[in-house]
Amino acid sequence: MPPNDDISTFGATSTVIRLMKQQARGSLVAALLRSTAHDRFEAIVETTGDSPAKAGTLEDRPVLARAGSLLLDEASRPDFANQLANDLMDHFGAVFWVELSEQLIRDTSCKFDALGEFKRFSNVLSFIPELLWEKAALPSIVAESGTDYGIDALCRFAFESLRPNAREMFKNKFRGPESFPDFCAELLRDKMPGILNVLKAPPAFVAGIFSSVAALASYYAWVIAFDTAIRVGSVSVSGVGDFQFVAGRVVNRVDFVVDEAFLKLIQINAQKPPLPDEANPPSLVAA
């Protein structure tokens, strides 16, 4: 199964997955360089003619195709997959919030599948969550016609099993509204090693397939962690804002208080005319 970046989703979700696949290739290179296969990987780099001194980055060159067997071997080592998960979560937060700001600058809304939608008004950003705990199963973020649909289904199946105990995991191990990114990494470390070990792909295609797993697994870990932290009470993202769960008489809602600097960044760069104030704030609709 050859790698393909044609993720059949739309908008912000598609872009995040595509960018995370690119980030994952760099993370795979870094993981090999610090793994027990370090010397063998450097030998492949040298024989492929892809020395670090050449222009560009190793993850953009054929060396990863040659290193497929090493990736398969190292994926069975828990320390390799665990460190890879930590790296991916560091990248994911940056990719996610930057894409949010860019989408809101270009348009008036930004929809992340399985998470919710952000809307820009004159003086406020609203967030309308999907509230995953009200759904029987994780919604797919890849269309059935998509190249990565099989990998997406495997990732969803794996992360679905975490949902029943996710709230207790979060309450027992993590504290404070700012700790949800750490919980994301915990979820990814829990499930990604097993997913990687299920996939015994031809060595030439391993890097592309592992990159798809890394991107999709990171996304599902992120939305489950966010959903779980919100159920506990709140999520705080430095430089973005604070999310607070509020139980309503009719429907539940999530109040989003945007960081002033983040809102100013979007307003200054917004490409559309000034917008009216929010007509029907979620706080009134859900009261």
C-alpha atoms as a PDB file:
ATOM      1  CA  MET A   1       0.000   0.000   0.000  1.00  0.00           C
ATOM      2  CA  PRO A   2       1.924   3.082  -1.196  1.00  0.00           C
ATOM      3  CA  PRO A   3       1.786   6.261   0.841  1.00  0.00           C
ATOM      4  CA  ASN A   4      -0.560   8.985  -0.348  1.00  0.00           C
ATOM      5  CA  ASP A   5      -1.291  12.410   1.082  1.00  0.00           C
ATOM      6  CA  ASP A   6      -4.789  12.545  -0.421  1.00  0.00           C
ATOM      7  CA  ILE A   7      -6.708  12.687   2.860  1.00  0.00           C
ATOM      8  CA  SER A   8     -10.363  12.839   1.845  1.00  0.00           C
ATOM      9  CA  THR A   9     -11.588  15.272   4.444  1.00  0.00           C
ATOM     10  CA  PHE A  10     -12.414  18.951   4.202  1.00  0.00           C
ATOM     11  CA  GLY A  11     -11.094  22.220   5.555  1.00  0.00           C
ATOM     12  CA  ALA A  12      -9.160  22.525   8.777  1.00  0.00           C
ATOM     13  CA  THR A  13      -9.187  18.806   9.613  1.00  0.00           C
ATOM     14  CA  SER A  14      -7.687  17.864   6.251  1.00  0.00           C
ATOM     15  CA  THR A  15      -4.934  20.462   6.601  1.00  0.00           C
ATOM     16  CA  VAL A  16      -4.016  19.378  10.137  1.00  0.00           C
ATOM     17  CA  ILE A  17      -3.753  15.734   9.071  1.00  0.00           C
ATOM     18  CA  ARG A  18      -1.646  16.626   6.033  1.00  0.00           C
ATOM     19  CA  LEU A  19       0.723  18.804   8.078  1.00  0.00           C
ATOM     20  CA  MET A  20       0.996  16.168  10.801  1.00  0.00           C
ATOM     21  CA  LYS A  21       1.979  13.555   8.209  1.00  0.00           C
ATOM     22  CA  GLN A  22       4.836  15.835   7.198  1.00  0.00           C
ATOM     23  CA  GLN A  23       5.789  16.424  10.833  1.00  0.00           C
ATOM     24  CA  ALA A  24       5.663  12.675  11.467  1.00  0.00           C
ATOM     25  CA  ARG A  25       8.311  11.977   8.830  1.00  0.00           C
ATOM     26  CA  GLY A  26      10.672  14.329  10.621  1.00  0.00           C
ATOM     27  CA  SER A  27       9.797  12.695  13.945  1.00  0.00           C
ATOM     28  CA  LEU A  28      10.537   9.251  12.506  1.00  0.00           C
ATOM     29  CA  VAL A  29      13.978  10.424  11.407  1.00  0.00           C
ATOM     30  CA  ALA A  30      14.663  11.900  14.853  1.00  0.00           C
ATOM     31  CA  ALA A  31      13.420   8.720  16.551  1.00  0.00           C
ATOM     32  CA  LEU A  32      15.734   6.528  14.456  1.00  0.00           C
ATOM     33  CA  LEU A  33      18.722   8.778  15.131  1.00  0.00           C
ATOM     34  CA  ARG A  34      18.316   8.369  18.896  1.00  0.00           C
ATOM     35  CA  SER A  35      17.251   4.699  18.820  1.00  0.00           C
ATOM     36  CA  THR A  36      19.235   1.486  19.157  1.00  0.00           C
ATOM     37  CA  ALA A  37      19.273   1.444  15.336  1.00  0.00           C
ATOM     38  CA  HIS A  38      21.209   4.725  15.218  1.00  0.00           C
ATOM     39  CA  ASP A  39      24.371   3.279  13.622  1.00  0.00           C
ATOM     40  CA  ARG A  40      22.462   1.224  11.048  1.00  0.00           C
ATOM     41  CA  PHE A  41      20.352   4.235  10.105  1.00  0.00           C
ATOM     42  CA  GLU A  42      23.417   6.435   9.680  1.00  0.00           C
ATOM     43  CA  ALA A  43      24.928   3.764   7.441  1.00  0.00           C
ATOM     44  CA  ILE A  44      21.793   3.844   5.271  1.00  0.00           C
ATOM     45  CA  VAL A  45      21.989   7.639   5.140  1.00  0.00           C
ATOM     46  CA  GLU A  46      25.591   7.456   3.956  1.00  0.00           C
ATOM     47  CA  THR A  47      25.022   4.746   1.345  1.00  0.00           C
ATOM     48  CA  THR A  48      21.939   6.527   0.005  1.00  0.00           C
ATOM     49  CA  GLY A  49      23.925   9.705  -0.476  1.00  0.00           C
ATOM     50  CA  ASP A  50      21.551  11.633   1.782  1.00  0.00           C
ATOM     51  CA  SER A  51      24.075  13.135   4.131  1.00  0.00           C
ATOM     52  CA  PRO A  52      22.823  15.832   6.517  1.00  0.00           C
ATOM     53  CA  ALA A  53      25.170  18.289   4.759  1.00  0.00           C
ATOM     54  CA  LYS A  54      23.053  18.174   1.602  1.00  0.00           C
ATOM     55  CA  ALA A  55      20.340  20.769   1.048  1.00  0.00           C
ATOM     56  CA  GLY A  56      16.909  19.900   2.390  1.00  0.00           C
ATOM     57  CA  THR A  57      15.967  17.559   5.196  1.00  0.00           C
ATOM     58  CA  LEU A  58      16.361  13.809   5.530  1.00  0.00           C
ATOM     59  CA  GLU A  59      12.616  13.252   5.801  1.00  0.00           C
ATOM     60  CA  ASP A  60      12.174  14.733   2.308  1.00  0.00           C
ATOM     61  CA  ARG A  61      14.575  12.284   0.678  1.00  0.00           C
ATOM     62  CA  PRO A  62      14.526   8.559  -0.277  1.00  0.00           C
ATOM     63  CA  VAL A  63      16.401   7.517   2.854  1.00  0.00           C
ATOM     64  CA  LEU A  64      13.218   6.714   4.801  1.00  0.00           C
ATOM     65  CA  ALA A  65      12.121   4.257   2.118  1.00  0.00           C
ATOM     66  CA  ARG A  66      15.451   2.464   2.571  1.00  0.00           C
ATOM     67  CA  ALA A  67      14.979   2.488   6.351  1.00  0.00           C
ATOM     68  CA  GLY A  68      11.606   0.707   6.302  1.00  0.00           C
ATOM     69  CA  SER A  69      12.943  -2.499   7.861  1.00  0.00           C
ATOM     70  CA  LEU A  70      14.528  -0.511  10.695  1.00  0.00           C
ATOM     71  CA  LEU A  71      11.233   1.258  11.348  1.00  0.00           C
ATOM     72  CA  LEU A  72       9.400  -2.062  11.515  1.00  0.00           C
ATOM     73  CA  ASP A  73      11.972  -3.420  13.976  1.00  0.00           C
ATOM     74  CA  GLU A  74      12.026  -0.322  16.166  1.00  0.00           C
ATOM     75  CA  ALA A  75       8.224   0.011  16.252  1.00  0.00           C
ATOM     76  CA  SER A  76       8.120  -3.106  18.444  1.00  0.00           C
ATOM     77  CA  ARG A  77      10.190  -1.325  21.090  1.00  0.00           C
ATOM     78  CA  PRO A  78       7.995   0.542  23.610  1.00  0.00           C
ATOM     79  CA  ASP A  79      10.581   3.270  24.222  1.00  0.00           C
ATOM     80  CA  PHE A  80      10.736   4.080  20.481  1.00  0.00           C
ATOM     81  CA  ALA A  81       6.957   4.451  20.137  1.00  0.00           C
ATOM     82  CA  ASN A  82       6.610   6.295  23.435  1.00  0.00           C
ATOM     83  CA  GLN A  83       9.179   8.931  22.542  1.00  0.00           C
ATOM     84  CA  LEU A  84       7.641   9.255  19.085  1.00  0.00           C
ATOM     85  CA  ALA A  85       4.261   9.915  20.730  1.00  0.00           C
ATOM     86  CA  ASN A  86       5.770  12.674  22.886  1.00  0.00           C
ATOM     87  CA  ASP A  87       7.307  14.321  19.815  1.00  0.00           C
ATOM     88  CA  LEU A  88       4.049  14.121  17.873  1.00  0.00           C
ATOM     89  CA  MET A  89       2.018  15.789  20.598  1.00  0.00           C
ATOM     90  CA  ASP A  90       4.512  18.626  20.801  1.00  0.00           C
ATOM     91  CA  HIS A  91       4.030  19.176  17.060  1.00  0.00           C
ATOM     92  CA  PHE A  92       0.273  18.672  17.063  1.00  0.00           C
ATOM     93  CA  GLY A  93      -0.556  21.515  19.421  1.00  0.00           C
ATOM     94  CA  ALA A  94       1.360  23.998  17.292  1.00  0.00           C
ATOM     95  CA  VAL A  95      -0.172  22.740  14.030  1.00  0.00           C
ATOM     96  CA  PHE A  96      -3.712  22.719  15.452  1.00  0.00           C
ATOM     97  CA  TRP A  97      -3.816  26.233  16.920  1.00  0.00           C
ATOM     98  CA  VAL A  98      -1.913  27.807  14.021  1.00  0.00           C
ATOM     99  CA  GLU A  99      -4.408  26.271  11.593  1.00  0.00           C
ATOM    100  CA  LEU A 100      -7.263  27.612  13.721  1.00  0.00           C
ATOM    101  CA  SER A 101      -5.897  31.144  13.564  1.00  0.00           C
ATOM    102  CA  GLU A 102      -5.201  30.958   9.829  1.00  0.00           C
ATOM    103  CA  GLN A 103      -8.672  29.612   9.053  1.00  0.00           C
ATOM    104  CA  LEU A 104     -10.326  32.330  11.132  1.00  0.00           C
ATOM    105  CA  ILE A 105      -8.205  34.996   9.452  1.00  0.00           C
ATOM    106  CA  ARG A 106      -9.180  33.749   5.982  1.00  0.00           C
ATOM    107  CA  ASP A 107     -12.804  33.015   6.833  1.00  0.00           C
ATOM    108  CA  THR A 108     -15.394  33.564   9.570  1.00  0.00           C
ATOM    109  CA  SER A 109     -15.430  29.997  10.876  1.00  0.00           C
ATOM    110  CA  CYS A 110     -13.175  26.982  11.413  1.00  0.00           C
ATOM    111  CA  LYS A 111     -14.578  23.463  11.766  1.00  0.00           C
ATOM    112  CA  PHE A 112     -12.564  20.589  13.221  1.00  0.00           C
ATOM    113  CA  ASP A 113     -14.238  17.226  12.641  1.00  0.00           C
ATOM    114  CA  ALA A 114     -15.138  15.375  15.864  1.00  0.00           C
ATOM    115  CA  LEU A 115     -14.204  18.411  17.973  1.00  0.00           C
ATOM    116  CA  GLY A 116     -16.342  21.437  17.097  1.00  0.00           C
ATOM    117  CA  GLU A 117     -16.556  24.735  15.263  1.00  0.00           C
ATOM    118  CA  PHE A 118     -15.043  28.124  16.011  1.00  0.00           C
ATOM    119  CA  LYS A 119     -16.853  31.235  14.728  1.00  0.00           C
ATOM    120  CA  ARG A 120     -15.488  34.762  14.438  1.00  0.00           C
ATOM    121  CA  PHE A 121     -17.615  37.793  15.230  1.00  0.00           C
ATOM    122  CA  SER A 122     -16.740  41.455  15.700  1.00  0.00           C
ATOM    123  CA  ASN A 123     -15.424  41.238  19.262  1.00  0.00           C
ATOM    124  CA  VAL A 124     -15.584  37.576  20.190  1.00  0.00           C
ATOM    125  CA  LEU A 125     -14.801  34.029  19.095  1.00  0.00           C
ATOM    126  CA  SER A 126     -17.441  31.402  19.768  1.00  0.00           C
ATOM    127  CA  PHE A 127     -16.871  27.673  20.105  1.00  0.00           C
ATOM    128  CA  ILE A 128     -19.621  25.121  19.432  1.00  0.00           C
ATOM    129  CA  PRO A 129     -18.452  21.664  20.559  1.00  0.00           C
ATOM    130  CA  GLU A 130     -19.517  18.280  19.220  1.00  0.00           C
ATOM    131  CA  LEU A 131     -19.578  16.795  22.751  1.00  0.00           C
ATOM    132  CA  LEU A 132     -18.227  13.359  21.891  1.00  0.00           C
ATOM    133  CA  TRP A 133     -19.450  11.701  25.070  1.00  0.00           C
ATOM    134  CA  GLU A 134     -22.984  12.062  23.683  1.00  0.00           C
ATOM    135  CA  LYS A 135     -22.049   9.944  20.630  1.00  0.00           C
ATOM    136  CA  ALA A 136     -21.969   6.156  20.583  1.00  0.00           C
ATOM    137  CA  ALA A 137     -18.793   6.050  18.494  1.00  0.00           C
ATOM    138  CA  LEU A 138     -16.021   8.318  17.308  1.00  0.00           C
ATOM    139  CA  PRO A 139     -17.000   9.950  14.008  1.00  0.00           C
ATOM    140  CA  SER A 140     -14.696   9.179  11.097  1.00  0.00           C
ATOM    141  CA  ILE A 141     -12.524  12.013   9.823  1.00  0.00           C
ATOM    142  CA  VAL A 142     -11.611  10.237   6.570  1.00  0.00           C
ATOM    143  CA  ALA A 143     -14.177   9.453   3.858  1.00  0.00           C
ATOM    144  CA  GLU A 144     -14.645   5.811   2.855  1.00  0.00           C
ATOM    145  CA  SER A 145     -13.186   6.661  -0.553  1.00  0.00           C
ATOM    146  CA  GLY A 146     -10.018   8.066   1.013  1.00  0.00           C
ATOM    147  CA  THR A 147      -6.662   6.333   0.605  1.00  0.00           C
ATOM    148  CA  ASP A 148      -6.146   6.268   4.376  1.00  0.00           C
ATOM    149  CA  TYR A 149      -9.616   4.971   5.235  1.00  0.00           C
ATOM    150  CA  GLY A 150      -8.313   1.589   6.432  1.00  0.00           C
ATOM    151  CA  ILE A 151      -5.708   3.198   8.678  1.00  0.00           C
ATOM    152  CA  ASP A 152      -8.323   5.653   9.932  1.00  0.00           C
ATOM    153  CA  ALA A 153     -10.668   2.785  10.844  1.00  0.00           C
ATOM    154  CA  LEU A 154      -7.874   1.006  12.733  1.00  0.00           C
ATOM    155  CA  CYS A 155      -6.975   4.158  14.670  1.00  0.00           C
ATOM    156  CA  ARG A 156     -10.605   4.894  15.544  1.00  0.00           C
ATOM    157  CA  PHE A 157     -11.132   1.308  16.723  1.00  0.00           C
ATOM    158  CA  ALA A 158      -8.053   1.489  18.940  1.00  0.00           C
ATOM    159  CA  PHE A 159      -8.900   4.851  20.497  1.00  0.00           C
ATOM    160  CA  GLU A 160     -12.580   4.019  20.895  1.00  0.00           C
ATOM    161  CA  SER A 161     -11.572   1.464  23.531  1.00  0.00           C
ATOM    162  CA  LEU A 162     -10.044   4.248  25.667  1.00  0.00           C
ATOM    163  CA  ARG A 163     -13.212   6.321  25.919  1.00  0.00           C
ATOM    164  CA  PRO A 164     -15.042   4.407  28.711  1.00  0.00           C
ATOM    165  CA  ASN A 165     -12.170   4.918  31.170  1.00  0.00           C
ATOM    166  CA  ALA A 166     -10.722   8.175  29.856  1.00  0.00           C
ATOM    167  CA  ARG A 167     -12.395  10.375  32.468  1.00  0.00           C
ATOM    168  CA  GLU A 168     -11.075   8.339  35.389  1.00  0.00           C
ATOM    169  CA  MET A 169      -7.617   8.217  33.784  1.00  0.00           C
ATOM    170  CA  PHE A 170      -7.582  11.985  33.530  1.00  0.00           C
ATOM    171  CA  LYS A 171      -8.897  12.614  37.065  1.00  0.00           C
ATOM    172  CA  ASN A 172      -6.486  10.144  38.634  1.00  0.00           C
ATOM    173  CA  LYS A 173      -3.288  11.208  36.889  1.00  0.00           C
ATOM    174  CA  PHE A 174      -3.666  14.820  35.728  1.00  0.00           C
ATOM    175  CA  ARG A 175      -4.531  18.039  37.525  1.00  0.00           C
ATOM    176  CA  GLY A 176      -5.551  21.460  36.306  1.00  0.00           C
ATOM    177  CA  PRO A 177      -7.204  22.787  33.134  1.00  0.00           C
ATOM    178  CA  GLU A 178      -3.850  23.270  31.384  1.00  0.00           C
ATOM    179  CA  SER A 179      -2.864  19.580  31.570  1.00  0.00           C
ATOM    180  CA  PHE A 180      -4.916  18.253  28.665  1.00  0.00           C
ATOM    181  CA  PRO A 181      -1.926  18.235  26.201  1.00  0.00           C
ATOM    182  CA  ASP A 182      -0.101  15.913  28.617  1.00  0.00           C
ATOM    183  CA  PHE A 183      -3.166  13.688  28.650  1.00  0.00           C
ATOM    184  CA  CYS A 184      -3.103  13.662  24.812  1.00  0.00           C
ATOM    185  CA  ALA A 185       0.438  12.292  24.915  1.00  0.00           C
ATOM    186  CA  GLU A 186      -0.607   9.683  27.478  1.00  0.00           C
ATOM    187  CA  LEU A 187      -3.424   8.445  25.217  1.00  0.00           C
ATOM    188  CA  LEU A 188      -1.127   8.360  22.191  1.00  0.00           C
ATOM    189  CA  ARG A 189       1.573   6.456  24.109  1.00  0.00           C
ATOM    190  CA  ASP A 190      -1.100   3.983  25.196  1.00  0.00           C
ATOM    191  CA  LYS A 191      -2.376   3.066  21.744  1.00  0.00           C
ATOM    192  CA  MET A 192       0.082   3.980  19.005  1.00  0.00           C
ATOM    193  CA  PRO A 193       2.630   1.173  19.690  1.00  0.00           C
ATOM    194  CA  GLY A 194      -0.081  -1.449  19.212  1.00  0.00           C
ATOM    195  CA  ILE A 195      -1.306   0.169  15.998  1.00  0.00           C
ATOM    196  CA  LEU A 196       2.197   0.326  14.546  1.00  0.00           C
ATOM    197  CA  ASN A 197       2.847  -3.320  15.380  1.00  0.00           C
ATOM    198  CA  VAL A 198      -0.327  -4.468  13.642  1.00  0.00           C
ATOM    199  CA  LEU A 199       0.837  -2.938  10.357  1.00  0.00           C
ATOM    200  CA  LYS A 200       3.466  -5.156   8.714  1.00  0.00           C
ATOM    201  CA  ALA A 201       3.805  -3.198   5.501  1.00  0.00           C
ATOM    202  CA  PRO A 202       6.423  -3.684   2.751  1.00  0.00           C
ATOM    203  CA  PRO A 203       9.564  -1.846   3.924  1.00  0.00           C
ATOM    204  CA  ALA A 204       9.511   0.667   1.065  1.00  0.00           C
ATOM    205  CA  PHE A 205       6.085   1.934   2.184  1.00  0.00           C
ATOM    206  CA  VAL A 206       6.532   1.802   5.963  1.00  0.00           C
ATOM    207  CA  ALA A 207       7.482   5.464   6.427  1.00  0.00           C
ATOM    208  CA  GLY A 208       4.410   6.698   4.559  1.00  0.00           C
ATOM    209  CA  ILE A 209       2.059   4.332   6.371  1.00  0.00           C
ATOM    210  CA  PHE A 210       3.568   5.106   9.779  1.00  0.00           C
ATOM    211  CA  SER A 211       3.198   8.819   9.005  1.00  0.00           C
ATOM    212  CA  SER A 212      -0.505   8.320   8.315  1.00  0.00           C
ATOM    213  CA  VAL A 213      -0.898   6.393  11.569  1.00  0.00           C
ATOM    214  CA  ALA A 214       0.946   9.097  13.479  1.00  0.00           C
ATOM    215  CA  ALA A 215      -1.217  11.887  12.038  1.00  0.00           C
ATOM    216  CA  LEU A 216      -4.577  10.151  12.491  1.00  0.00           C
ATOM    217  CA  ALA A 217      -3.748   8.706  15.910  1.00  0.00           C
ATOM    218  CA  SER A 218      -2.576  12.136  17.088  1.00  0.00           C
ATOM    219  CA  TYR A 219      -5.850  13.700  15.963  1.00  0.00           C
ATOM    220  CA  TYR A 220      -8.007  11.123  17.745  1.00  0.00           C
ATOM    221  CA  ALA A 221      -5.906  11.342  20.907  1.00  0.00           C
ATOM    222  CA  TRP A 222      -6.309  15.136  20.822  1.00  0.00           C
ATOM    223  CA  VAL A 223     -10.102  15.175  20.465  1.00  0.00           C
ATOM    224  CA  ILE A 224     -10.628  12.453  23.097  1.00  0.00           C
ATOM    225  CA  ALA A 225      -8.351  14.278  25.544  1.00  0.00           C
ATOM    226  CA  PHE A 226     -10.129  17.582  24.915  1.00  0.00           C
ATOM    227  CA  ASP A 227     -13.548  15.961  25.286  1.00  0.00           C
ATOM    228  CA  THR A 228     -12.479  14.251  28.510  1.00  0.00           C
ATOM    229  CA  ALA A 229     -10.908  17.349  30.058  1.00  0.00           C
ATOM    230  CA  ILE A 230     -14.039  19.380  29.247  1.00  0.00           C
ATOM    231  CA  ARG A 231     -16.217  16.806  31.008  1.00  0.00           C
ATOM    232  CA  VAL A 232     -14.048  17.171  34.087  1.00  0.00           C
ATOM    233  CA  GLY A 233     -14.632  20.913  33.922  1.00  0.00           C
ATOM    234  CA  SER A 234     -12.287  23.028  31.826  1.00  0.00           C
ATOM    235  CA  VAL A 235      -9.388  23.310  29.383  1.00  0.00           C
ATOM    236  CA  SER A 236      -6.851  26.126  29.304  1.00  0.00           C
ATOM    237  CA  VAL A 237      -4.588  26.764  26.309  1.00  0.00           C
ATOM    238  CA  SER A 238      -1.861  29.334  26.786  1.00  0.00           C
ATOM    239  CA  GLY A 239      -2.105  32.102  24.214  1.00  0.00           C
ATOM    240  CA  VAL A 240      -5.467  30.860  22.886  1.00  0.00           C
ATOM    241  CA  GLY A 241      -8.048  30.916  25.677  1.00  0.00           C
ATOM    242  CA  ASP A 242     -10.035  29.023  28.308  1.00  0.00           C
ATOM    243  CA  PHE A 243     -12.840  26.513  27.718  1.00  0.00           C
ATOM    244  CA  GLN A 244     -15.378  25.898  30.503  1.00  0.00           C
ATOM    245  CA  PHE A 245     -18.087  23.237  30.460  1.00  0.00           C
ATOM    246  CA  VAL A 246     -21.541  24.434  31.561  1.00  0.00           C
ATOM    247  CA  ALA A 247     -24.495  22.088  32.026  1.00  0.00           C
ATOM    248  CA  GLY A 248     -27.684  23.672  30.668  1.00  0.00           C
ATOM    249  CA  ARG A 249     -31.345  22.923  31.374  1.00  0.00           C
ATOM    250  CA  VAL A 250     -31.925  21.962  27.744  1.00  0.00           C
ATOM    251  CA  VAL A 251     -28.477  21.379  26.232  1.00  0.00           C
ATOM    252  CA  ASN A 252     -24.914  21.481  27.496  1.00  0.00           C
ATOM    253  CA  ARG A 253     -22.476  24.103  26.252  1.00  0.00           C
ATOM    254  CA  VAL A 254     -18.818  25.062  26.407  1.00  0.00           C
ATOM    255  CA  ASP A 255     -18.022  28.698  27.139  1.00  0.00           C
ATOM    256  CA  PHE A 256     -14.877  29.898  25.386  1.00  0.00           C
ATOM    257  CA  VAL A 257     -13.064  32.981  26.726  1.00  0.00           C
ATOM    258  CA  VAL A 258     -10.505  33.935  24.103  1.00  0.00           C
ATOM    259  CA  ASP A 259      -7.074  35.263  25.007  1.00  0.00           C
ATOM    260  CA  GLU A 260      -6.975  38.968  24.117  1.00  0.00           C
ATOM    261  CA  ALA A 261      -3.701  38.646  22.211  1.00  0.00           C
ATOM    262  CA  PHE A 262      -5.068  35.737  20.153  1.00  0.00           C
ATOM    263  CA  LEU A 263      -8.244  37.652  19.291  1.00  0.00           C
ATOM    264  CA  LYS A 264      -6.240  40.746  18.389  1.00  0.00           C
ATOM    265  CA  LEU A 265      -3.974  38.700  16.103  1.00  0.00           C
ATOM    266  CA  ILE A 266      -6.998  37.426  14.196  1.00  0.00           C
ATOM    267  CA  GLN A 267      -8.784  40.780  14.047  1.00  0.00           C
ATOM    268  CA  ILE A 268      -5.730  42.651  12.768  1.00  0.00           C
ATOM    269  CA  ASN A 269      -5.084  40.122  10.000  1.00  0.00           C
ATOM    270  CA  ALA A 270      -8.689  39.226   9.111  1.00  0.00           C
ATOM    271  CA  GLN A 271      -9.263  39.377   5.364  1.00  0.00           C
ATOM    272  CA  LYS A 272     -13.001  40.023   5.506  1.00  0.00           C
ATOM    273  CA  PRO A 273     -14.900  43.228   6.475  1.00  0.00           C
ATOM    274  CA  PRO A 274     -15.741  43.820  10.148  1.00  0.00           C
ATOM    275  CA  LEU A 275     -18.456  41.483  11.418  1.00  0.00           C
ATOM    276  CA  PRO A 276     -21.461  42.255  13.627  1.00  0.00           C
ATOM    277  CA  ASP A 277     -21.507  41.234  17.257  1.00  0.00           C
ATOM    278  CA  GLU A 278     -22.648  37.707  17.972  1.00  0.00           C
ATOM    279  CA  ALA A 279     -26.442  37.606  17.518  1.00  0.00           C
ATOM    280  CA  ASN A 280     -27.216  34.414  19.466  1.00  0.00           C
ATOM    281  CA  PRO A 281     -24.369  33.577  21.824  1.00  0.00           C
ATOM    282  CA  PRO A 282     -24.181  29.883  22.830  1.00  0.00           C
ATOM    283  CA  SER A 283     -24.542  31.071  26.440  1.00  0.00           C
ATOM    284  CA  LEU A 284     -28.084  32.255  25.645  1.00  0.00           C
ATOM    285  CA  VAL A 285     -29.055  29.430  23.314  1.00  0.00           C
ATOM    286  CA  ALA A 286     -27.972  26.725  25.738  1.00  0.00           C
ATOM    287  CA  ALA A 287     -29.225  28.346  28.943  1.00  0.00           C
END
